[in-house]
Amino acid sequence: MKPVTCAVIDDEPIARDILHDFIAQDDRLLLQGKYKNAKEATKGMITNPAELVFLDINMPGLTGFQFLKSMANPPAVIFTTAYREHAMEGFEANAIDYLLKPIAIERFLLSVNKAWKFLRPGLPAGTELVVSKESEPFFFVKADGGLVKIFFEEILFIEALKEYIRIVTKEKSIITYHTISGIQEKLPAAKFYRIHRSYIVQITAIEIIEGFTVKIGKYELPISRNERDEFVTMVSNGKIISK
């Protein structure tokens, strides 16, 4: 699957960094460059062209609209701005979408889905979770007004809380808006096991399995009756020492 090449053009360093982080978490996107103004982007995109541009509207020099009109073969565009009044003009410019700052990761992913369907028609939209590429030992979740990096090895367990999940690590507990099934798909299957509809545990964090309970530090978590036998077999895997 060929990723969509993209660029970020924004005069605000924080905005560029946020979009950089969002893009890095989506396997469908490949960042070609970050630029602080239209002039810099015009030069950079000669050697590093992009199919999709996340384009700020209000910038020193050329505005986002002026930059787009200056291009002979403009790329697909997702406008980013802090001002709602530009929305109509943005759609009149045939933009794929219009993101209002501060940009939420969920809203960003919806825009990427639209871009993917436009630029890669016929291919599945892919993941909509806030996760890192599979080769990386961590993922990001939206919490506390920003993105929090969580390393797989630090997780003790994950608990479902209706529309949210609680990720308990060795140092902290993080609550974020995700489904437990959705995040399970992105966890390394060899390291994590869903012992109950509401719990996923890090296998190496388990201290005791007793009856239908798993003990991890001060926590006692239930094991589903339907999962217990398979879970114990998988976890032990020849590691039980008997007489």
C-alpha atoms as a PDB file:
ATOM      1  CA  MET A   1       0.000   0.000   0.000  1.00  0.00           C
ATOM      2  CA  LYS A   2       1.592   3.239  -1.154  1.00  0.00           C
ATOM      3  CA  PRO A   3       1.201   6.044   1.410  1.00  0.00           C
ATOM      4  CA  VAL A   4      -0.046   9.472   0.428  1.00  0.00           C
ATOM      5  CA  THR A   5       2.828  11.958   0.354  1.00  0.00           C
ATOM      6  CA  CYS A   6       1.975  15.135   2.216  1.00  0.00           C
ATOM      7  CA  ALA A   7       3.316  18.473   3.396  1.00  0.00           C
ATOM      8  CA  VAL A   8       2.456  20.911   6.179  1.00  0.00           C
ATOM      9  CA  ILE A   9       2.465  24.660   5.521  1.00  0.00           C
ATOM     10  CA  ASP A  10       1.833  26.810   8.588  1.00  0.00           C
ATOM     11  CA  ASP A  11       3.533  29.836  10.108  1.00  0.00           C
ATOM     12  CA  GLU A  12       2.893  28.597  13.661  1.00  0.00           C
ATOM     13  CA  PRO A  13       5.607  26.196  14.951  1.00  0.00           C
ATOM     14  CA  ILE A  14       3.205  24.510  17.386  1.00  0.00           C
ATOM     15  CA  ALA A  15       0.661  23.885  14.635  1.00  0.00           C
ATOM     16  CA  ARG A  16       3.367  22.367  12.421  1.00  0.00           C
ATOM     17  CA  ASP A  17       4.567  20.111  15.229  1.00  0.00           C
ATOM     18  CA  ILE A  18       1.059  18.912  16.090  1.00  0.00           C
ATOM     19  CA  LEU A  19       0.313  17.994  12.489  1.00  0.00           C
ATOM     20  CA  HIS A  20       3.730  16.342  12.229  1.00  0.00           C
ATOM     21  CA  ASP A  21       2.876  14.143  15.228  1.00  0.00           C
ATOM     22  CA  PHE A  22      -0.559  13.294  13.844  1.00  0.00           C
ATOM     23  CA  ILE A  23       0.859  12.368  10.440  1.00  0.00           C
ATOM     24  CA  ALA A  24       3.606  10.223  11.987  1.00  0.00           C
ATOM     25  CA  GLN A  25       0.944   8.074  13.627  1.00  0.00           C
ATOM     26  CA  ASP A  26      -0.881   7.191  10.411  1.00  0.00           C
ATOM     27  CA  ASP A  27       0.604   4.595   8.061  1.00  0.00           C
ATOM     28  CA  ARG A  28      -1.405   6.041   5.189  1.00  0.00           C
ATOM     29  CA  LEU A  29       0.617   9.260   5.211  1.00  0.00           C
ATOM     30  CA  LEU A  30       4.253  10.059   4.443  1.00  0.00           C
ATOM     31  CA  LEU A  31       5.454  13.532   5.419  1.00  0.00           C
ATOM     32  CA  GLN A  32       7.640  15.151   2.756  1.00  0.00           C
ATOM     33  CA  GLY A  33       8.215  18.497   4.423  1.00  0.00           C
ATOM     34  CA  LYS A  34       7.149  21.178   6.914  1.00  0.00           C
ATOM     35  CA  TYR A  35       7.191  24.804   5.812  1.00  0.00           C
ATOM     36  CA  LYS A  36       6.556  28.074   7.638  1.00  0.00           C
ATOM     37  CA  ASN A  37       5.313  30.043   4.629  1.00  0.00           C
ATOM     38  CA  ALA A  38       4.277  29.755   0.991  1.00  0.00           C
ATOM     39  CA  LYS A  39       7.662  30.880  -0.351  1.00  0.00           C
ATOM     40  CA  GLU A  40       9.506  28.179   1.571  1.00  0.00           C
ATOM     41  CA  ALA A  41       6.951  25.573   0.478  1.00  0.00           C
ATOM     42  CA  THR A  42       7.193  26.550  -3.188  1.00  0.00           C
ATOM     43  CA  LYS A  43      10.937  25.916  -3.108  1.00  0.00           C
ATOM     44  CA  GLY A  44      10.794  22.752  -1.004  1.00  0.00           C
ATOM     45  CA  MET A  45       8.030  21.063  -2.965  1.00  0.00           C
ATOM     46  CA  ILE A  46      10.046  21.231  -6.181  1.00  0.00           C
ATOM     47  CA  THR A  47      12.331  18.483  -4.885  1.00  0.00           C
ATOM     48  CA  ASN A  48       9.835  16.938  -2.450  1.00  0.00           C
ATOM     49  CA  PRO A  49       6.421  17.057  -4.126  1.00  0.00           C
ATOM     50  CA  ALA A  50       3.331  16.173  -2.116  1.00  0.00           C
ATOM     51  CA  GLU A  51      -0.041  14.769  -3.129  1.00  0.00           C
ATOM     52  CA  LEU A  52      -1.744  16.308  -0.106  1.00  0.00           C
ATOM     53  CA  VAL A  53      -1.066  19.584   1.698  1.00  0.00           C
ATOM     54  CA  PHE A  54      -2.254  20.636   5.145  1.00  0.00           C
ATOM     55  CA  LEU A  55      -2.417  24.345   4.416  1.00  0.00           C
ATOM     56  CA  ASP A  56      -2.865  27.244   6.821  1.00  0.00           C
ATOM     57  CA  ILE A  57      -4.874  30.151   5.431  1.00  0.00           C
ATOM     58  CA  ASN A  58      -3.598  33.209   7.318  1.00  0.00           C
ATOM     59  CA  MET A  59       0.168  33.418   6.800  1.00  0.00           C
ATOM     60  CA  PRO A  60       2.635  36.267   6.228  1.00  0.00           C
ATOM     61  CA  GLY A  61       3.225  36.911   2.541  1.00  0.00           C
ATOM     62  CA  LEU A  62       0.965  34.753   0.419  1.00  0.00           C
ATOM     63  CA  THR A  63      -2.159  33.435   2.111  1.00  0.00           C
ATOM     64  CA  GLY A  64      -3.065  29.790   1.727  1.00  0.00           C
ATOM     65  CA  PHE A  65      -5.606  30.674  -0.957  1.00  0.00           C
ATOM     66  CA  GLN A  66      -3.084  32.772  -2.892  1.00  0.00           C
ATOM     67  CA  PHE A  67      -0.471  30.029  -2.658  1.00  0.00           C
ATOM     68  CA  LEU A  68      -2.909  27.481  -4.048  1.00  0.00           C
ATOM     69  CA  LYS A  69      -3.877  29.737  -6.963  1.00  0.00           C
ATOM     70  CA  SER A  70      -0.205  30.292  -7.800  1.00  0.00           C
ATOM     71  CA  MET A  71       0.381  26.598  -8.510  1.00  0.00           C
ATOM     72  CA  ALA A  72       0.013  25.207 -12.028  1.00  0.00           C
ATOM     73  CA  ASN A  73      -0.877  21.745 -10.713  1.00  0.00           C
ATOM     74  CA  PRO A  74      -2.050  22.187  -7.125  1.00  0.00           C
ATOM     75  CA  PRO A  75      -2.135  19.163  -4.817  1.00  0.00           C
ATOM     76  CA  ALA A  76      -5.148  18.036  -2.839  1.00  0.00           C
ATOM     77  CA  VAL A  77      -5.644  20.379   0.106  1.00  0.00           C
ATOM     78  CA  ILE A  78      -6.928  20.243   3.654  1.00  0.00           C
ATOM     79  CA  PHE A  79      -7.122  23.798   4.972  1.00  0.00           C
ATOM     80  CA  THR A  80      -6.217  24.504   8.601  1.00  0.00           C
ATOM     81  CA  THR A  81      -7.177  27.738  10.327  1.00  0.00           C
ATOM     82  CA  ALA A  82      -8.385  29.266  13.566  1.00  0.00           C
ATOM     83  CA  TYR A  83     -11.096  31.261  11.789  1.00  0.00           C
ATOM     84  CA  ARG A  84     -14.498  29.825  10.936  1.00  0.00           C
ATOM     85  CA  GLU A  85     -15.303  32.593   8.444  1.00  0.00           C
ATOM     86  CA  HIS A  86     -12.938  31.068   5.874  1.00  0.00           C
ATOM     87  CA  ALA A  87     -14.870  27.803   5.687  1.00  0.00           C
ATOM     88  CA  MET A  88     -17.010  28.665   2.667  1.00  0.00           C
ATOM     89  CA  GLU A  89     -14.058  30.061   0.738  1.00  0.00           C
ATOM     90  CA  GLY A  90     -12.120  26.928   1.596  1.00  0.00           C
ATOM     91  CA  PHE A  91     -14.718  24.618   0.112  1.00  0.00           C
ATOM     92  CA  GLU A  92     -15.080  26.877  -2.940  1.00  0.00           C
ATOM     93  CA  ALA A  93     -11.374  26.259  -3.517  1.00  0.00           C
ATOM     94  CA  ASN A  94     -12.234  22.548  -3.853  1.00  0.00           C
ATOM     95  CA  ALA A  95     -10.512  21.622  -0.617  1.00  0.00           C
ATOM     96  CA  ILE A  96     -10.982  18.079   0.614  1.00  0.00           C
ATOM     97  CA  ASP A  97     -11.715  19.380   4.090  1.00  0.00           C
ATOM     98  CA  TYR A  98     -11.397  22.319   6.448  1.00  0.00           C
ATOM     99  CA  LEU A  99      -9.893  21.836   9.910  1.00  0.00           C
ATOM    100  CA  LEU A 100     -10.523  24.377  12.637  1.00  0.00           C
ATOM    101  CA  LYS A 101      -7.715  24.964  15.160  1.00  0.00           C
ATOM    102  CA  PRO A 102      -7.039  23.655  17.722  1.00  0.00           C
ATOM    103  CA  ILE A 103      -7.237  20.477  15.685  1.00  0.00           C
ATOM    104  CA  ALA A 104      -8.525  17.374  17.465  1.00  0.00           C
ATOM    105  CA  ILE A 105      -6.949  14.077  16.453  1.00  0.00           C
ATOM    106  CA  GLU A 106     -10.368  12.525  15.791  1.00  0.00           C
ATOM    107  CA  ARG A 107     -11.262  15.353  13.415  1.00  0.00           C
ATOM    108  CA  PHE A 108      -7.859  15.073  11.736  1.00  0.00           C
ATOM    109  CA  LEU A 109      -8.434  11.384  11.060  1.00  0.00           C
ATOM    110  CA  LEU A 110     -11.823  12.067   9.493  1.00  0.00           C
ATOM    111  CA  SER A 111     -10.110  14.462   7.092  1.00  0.00           C
ATOM    112  CA  VAL A 112      -7.436  11.901   6.286  1.00  0.00           C
ATOM    113  CA  ASN A 113     -10.145   9.337   5.545  1.00  0.00           C
ATOM    114  CA  LYS A 114     -11.673  11.746   3.023  1.00  0.00           C
ATOM    115  CA  ALA A 115      -8.285  12.414   1.448  1.00  0.00           C
ATOM    116  CA  TRP A 116      -7.498   8.703   1.276  1.00  0.00           C
ATOM    117  CA  LYS A 117     -10.775   7.918  -0.492  1.00  0.00           C
ATOM    118  CA  PHE A 118     -10.088  10.726  -2.959  1.00  0.00           C
ATOM    119  CA  LEU A 119      -6.417   9.934  -3.631  1.00  0.00           C
ATOM    120  CA  ARG A 120      -6.533   6.142  -3.223  1.00  0.00           C
ATOM    121  CA  PRO A 121     -10.023   5.177  -4.461  1.00  0.00           C
ATOM    122  CA  GLY A 122     -10.945   1.545  -3.986  1.00  0.00           C
ATOM    123  CA  LEU A 123      -8.522   0.947  -1.120  1.00  0.00           C
ATOM    124  CA  PRO A 124      -9.656   0.456   2.494  1.00  0.00           C
ATOM    125  CA  ALA A 125      -9.528   3.546   4.673  1.00  0.00           C
ATOM    126  CA  GLY A 126      -7.271   1.850   7.220  1.00  0.00           C
ATOM    127  CA  THR A 127      -7.013   2.542  10.918  1.00  0.00           C
ATOM    128  CA  GLU A 128      -8.644   5.515  12.573  1.00  0.00           C
ATOM    129  CA  LEU A 129      -6.911   5.028  15.892  1.00  0.00           C
ATOM    130  CA  VAL A 130      -4.208   7.195  17.339  1.00  0.00           C
ATOM    131  CA  VAL A 131      -1.368   4.728  17.037  1.00  0.00           C
ATOM    132  CA  SER A 132       2.211   4.589  15.882  1.00  0.00           C
ATOM    133  CA  LYS A 133       3.574   2.525  13.024  1.00  0.00           C
ATOM    134  CA  GLU A 134       3.908  -1.156  13.870  1.00  0.00           C
ATOM    135  CA  SER A 135       7.708  -1.018  13.856  1.00  0.00           C
ATOM    136  CA  GLU A 136       7.695   1.455  16.728  1.00  0.00           C
ATOM    137  CA  PRO A 137       7.428   0.279  20.374  1.00  0.00           C
ATOM    138  CA  PHE A 138       4.888   2.925  21.357  1.00  0.00           C
ATOM    139  CA  PHE A 139       1.670   4.671  20.431  1.00  0.00           C
ATOM    140  CA  PHE A 140      -0.020   7.974  21.207  1.00  0.00           C
ATOM    141  CA  VAL A 141      -3.371   8.695  22.800  1.00  0.00           C
ATOM    142  CA  LYS A 142      -5.176  11.973  23.159  1.00  0.00           C
ATOM    143  CA  ALA A 143      -5.363  12.935  26.834  1.00  0.00           C
ATOM    144  CA  ASP A 144      -4.916  15.964  29.077  1.00  0.00           C
ATOM    145  CA  GLY A 145      -5.350  18.353  26.166  1.00  0.00           C
ATOM    146  CA  GLY A 146      -2.555  16.858  24.074  1.00  0.00           C
ATOM    147  CA  LEU A 147      -0.947  13.656  22.837  1.00  0.00           C
ATOM    148  CA  VAL A 148       0.599  11.276  25.353  1.00  0.00           C
ATOM    149  CA  LYS A 149       3.218   8.755  24.250  1.00  0.00           C
ATOM    150  CA  ILE A 150       2.849   5.305  25.798  1.00  0.00           C
ATOM    151  CA  PHE A 151       5.409   2.545  25.370  1.00  0.00           C
ATOM    152  CA  PHE A 152       3.993  -0.969  25.079  1.00  0.00           C
ATOM    153  CA  GLU A 153       6.425  -2.300  27.676  1.00  0.00           C
ATOM    154  CA  GLU A 154       5.185   0.187  30.296  1.00  0.00           C
ATOM    155  CA  ILE A 155       1.548  -0.920  30.142  1.00  0.00           C
ATOM    156  CA  LEU A 156       0.214  -3.086  32.950  1.00  0.00           C
ATOM    157  CA  PHE A 157      -3.347  -3.381  31.693  1.00  0.00           C
ATOM    158  CA  ILE A 158      -6.112  -1.573  29.814  1.00  0.00           C
ATOM    159  CA  GLU A 159      -9.639  -1.269  31.170  1.00  0.00           C
ATOM    160  CA  ALA A 160     -12.831  -0.450  29.245  1.00  0.00           C
ATOM    161  CA  LEU A 161     -14.929   2.369  30.733  1.00  0.00           C
ATOM    162  CA  LYS A 162     -17.987   2.570  28.460  1.00  0.00           C
ATOM    163  CA  GLU A 163     -16.907   4.998  25.711  1.00  0.00           C
ATOM    164  CA  TYR A 164     -13.434   5.439  27.212  1.00  0.00           C
ATOM    165  CA  ILE A 165     -10.507   3.275  28.187  1.00  0.00           C
ATOM    166  CA  ARG A 166      -8.116   3.519  31.104  1.00  0.00           C
ATOM    167  CA  ILE A 167      -4.503   2.663  30.353  1.00  0.00           C
ATOM    168  CA  VAL A 168      -2.630   1.769  33.520  1.00  0.00           C
ATOM    169  CA  THR A 169       1.152   1.906  33.242  1.00  0.00           C
ATOM    170  CA  LYS A 170       3.956   1.443  35.737  1.00  0.00           C
ATOM    171  CA  GLU A 171       3.940   5.165  36.506  1.00  0.00           C
ATOM    172  CA  LYS A 172       0.479   6.542  35.750  1.00  0.00           C
ATOM    173  CA  SER A 173      -3.114   5.996  34.708  1.00  0.00           C
ATOM    174  CA  ILE A 174      -4.456   7.615  31.526  1.00  0.00           C
ATOM    175  CA  ILE A 175      -8.083   7.883  30.468  1.00  0.00           C
ATOM    176  CA  THR A 176      -8.756   8.478  26.786  1.00  0.00           C
ATOM    177  CA  TYR A 177     -11.612   8.276  24.306  1.00  0.00           C
ATOM    178  CA  HIS A 178     -11.212   4.906  22.534  1.00  0.00           C
ATOM    179  CA  THR A 179     -12.854   1.507  22.382  1.00  0.00           C
ATOM    180  CA  ILE A 180     -11.022  -1.402  23.929  1.00  0.00           C
ATOM    181  CA  SER A 181     -11.569  -3.493  20.786  1.00  0.00           C
ATOM    182  CA  GLY A 182     -10.085  -0.784  18.614  1.00  0.00           C
ATOM    183  CA  ILE A 183      -6.906  -0.400  20.609  1.00  0.00           C
ATOM    184  CA  GLN A 184      -6.553  -4.179  20.997  1.00  0.00           C
ATOM    185  CA  GLU A 185      -6.038  -4.446  17.241  1.00  0.00           C
ATOM    186  CA  LYS A 186      -2.887  -2.345  17.490  1.00  0.00           C
ATOM    187  CA  LEU A 187      -1.278  -4.055  20.468  1.00  0.00           C
ATOM    188  CA  PRO A 188       1.375  -6.745  19.863  1.00  0.00           C
ATOM    189  CA  ALA A 189      -0.600  -9.994  20.090  1.00  0.00           C
ATOM    190  CA  ALA A 190       2.354 -11.865  21.586  1.00  0.00           C
ATOM    191  CA  LYS A 191       2.554  -9.454  24.528  1.00  0.00           C
ATOM    192  CA  PHE A 192      -1.074  -8.693  25.365  1.00  0.00           C
ATOM    193  CA  TYR A 193      -4.160 -10.788  26.035  1.00  0.00           C
ATOM    194  CA  ARG A 194      -7.783  -9.813  26.462  1.00  0.00           C
ATOM    195  CA  ILE A 195      -8.798 -11.766  29.548  1.00  0.00           C
ATOM    196  CA  HIS A 196     -12.255 -10.218  29.827  1.00  0.00           C
ATOM    197  CA  ARG A 197     -14.485  -8.003  27.708  1.00  0.00           C
ATOM    198  CA  SER A 198     -13.335  -5.103  29.889  1.00  0.00           C
ATOM    199  CA  TYR A 199      -9.635  -5.937  30.380  1.00  0.00           C
ATOM    200  CA  ILE A 200      -6.481  -6.419  28.335  1.00  0.00           C
ATOM    201  CA  VAL A 201      -3.338  -7.358  30.255  1.00  0.00           C
ATOM    202  CA  GLN A 202       0.360  -7.187  29.513  1.00  0.00           C
ATOM    203  CA  ILE A 203       1.427 -10.815  29.841  1.00  0.00           C
ATOM    204  CA  THR A 204       4.848 -10.088  31.333  1.00  0.00           C
ATOM    205  CA  ALA A 205       3.237  -7.889  34.002  1.00  0.00           C
ATOM    206  CA  ILE A 206       1.204 -10.774  35.438  1.00  0.00           C
ATOM    207  CA  GLU A 207       2.351 -11.882  38.889  1.00  0.00           C
ATOM    208  CA  ILE A 208      -0.285 -14.434  39.897  1.00  0.00           C
ATOM    209  CA  ILE A 209      -3.127 -16.302  38.171  1.00  0.00           C
ATOM    210  CA  GLU A 210      -5.482 -17.623  40.808  1.00  0.00           C
ATOM    211  CA  GLY A 211      -8.820 -19.121  39.850  1.00  0.00           C
ATOM    212  CA  PHE A 212     -10.536 -16.543  37.690  1.00  0.00           C
ATOM    213  CA  THR A 213      -8.362 -13.668  38.815  1.00  0.00           C
ATOM    214  CA  VAL A 214      -5.143 -12.126  37.557  1.00  0.00           C
ATOM    215  CA  LYS A 215      -2.966 -10.200  39.992  1.00  0.00           C
ATOM    216  CA  ILE A 216      -0.770  -7.384  38.713  1.00  0.00           C
ATOM    217  CA  GLY A 217       0.792  -5.427  41.538  1.00  0.00           C
ATOM    218  CA  LYS A 218      -2.021  -4.036  43.703  1.00  0.00           C
ATOM    219  CA  TYR A 219      -4.641  -4.808  41.045  1.00  0.00           C
ATOM    220  CA  GLU A 220      -6.873  -7.876  40.839  1.00  0.00           C
ATOM    221  CA  LEU A 221      -8.572  -8.322  37.472  1.00  0.00           C
ATOM    222  CA  PRO A 222     -11.271 -10.821  36.465  1.00  0.00           C
ATOM    223  CA  ILE A 223     -10.734 -13.526  33.856  1.00  0.00           C
ATOM    224  CA  SER A 224     -13.709 -14.450  31.715  1.00  0.00           C
ATOM    225  CA  ARG A 225     -14.800 -18.083  32.098  1.00  0.00           C
ATOM    226  CA  ASN A 226     -14.732 -18.426  28.327  1.00  0.00           C
ATOM    227  CA  GLU A 227     -11.148 -17.200  28.144  1.00  0.00           C
ATOM    228  CA  ARG A 228      -9.517 -18.793  31.170  1.00  0.00           C
ATOM    229  CA  ASP A 229      -8.367 -22.148  29.767  1.00  0.00           C
ATOM    230  CA  GLU A 230      -6.957 -20.705  26.562  1.00  0.00           C
ATOM    231  CA  PHE A 231      -5.381 -17.841  28.483  1.00  0.00           C
ATOM    232  CA  VAL A 232      -3.628 -20.092  31.005  1.00  0.00           C
ATOM    233  CA  THR A 233      -2.387 -22.386  28.242  1.00  0.00           C
ATOM    234  CA  MET A 234      -1.041 -19.503  26.204  1.00  0.00           C
ATOM    235  CA  VAL A 235       0.589 -17.733  29.139  1.00  0.00           C
ATOM    236  CA  SER A 236       2.214 -20.827  30.639  1.00  0.00           C
ATOM    237  CA  ASN A 237       3.356 -22.292  27.280  1.00  0.00           C
ATOM    238  CA  GLY A 238       5.679 -24.813  28.876  1.00  0.00           C
ATOM    239  CA  LYS A 239       6.780 -22.444  31.632  1.00  0.00           C
ATOM    240  CA  ILE A 240       5.014 -24.263  34.493  1.00  0.00           C
ATOM    241  CA  ILE A 241       7.495 -26.126  36.678  1.00  0.00           C
ATOM    242  CA  SER A 242       6.006 -29.163  38.402  1.00  0.00           C
ATOM    243  CA  LYS A 243       7.417 -31.952  40.534  1.00  0.00           C
END
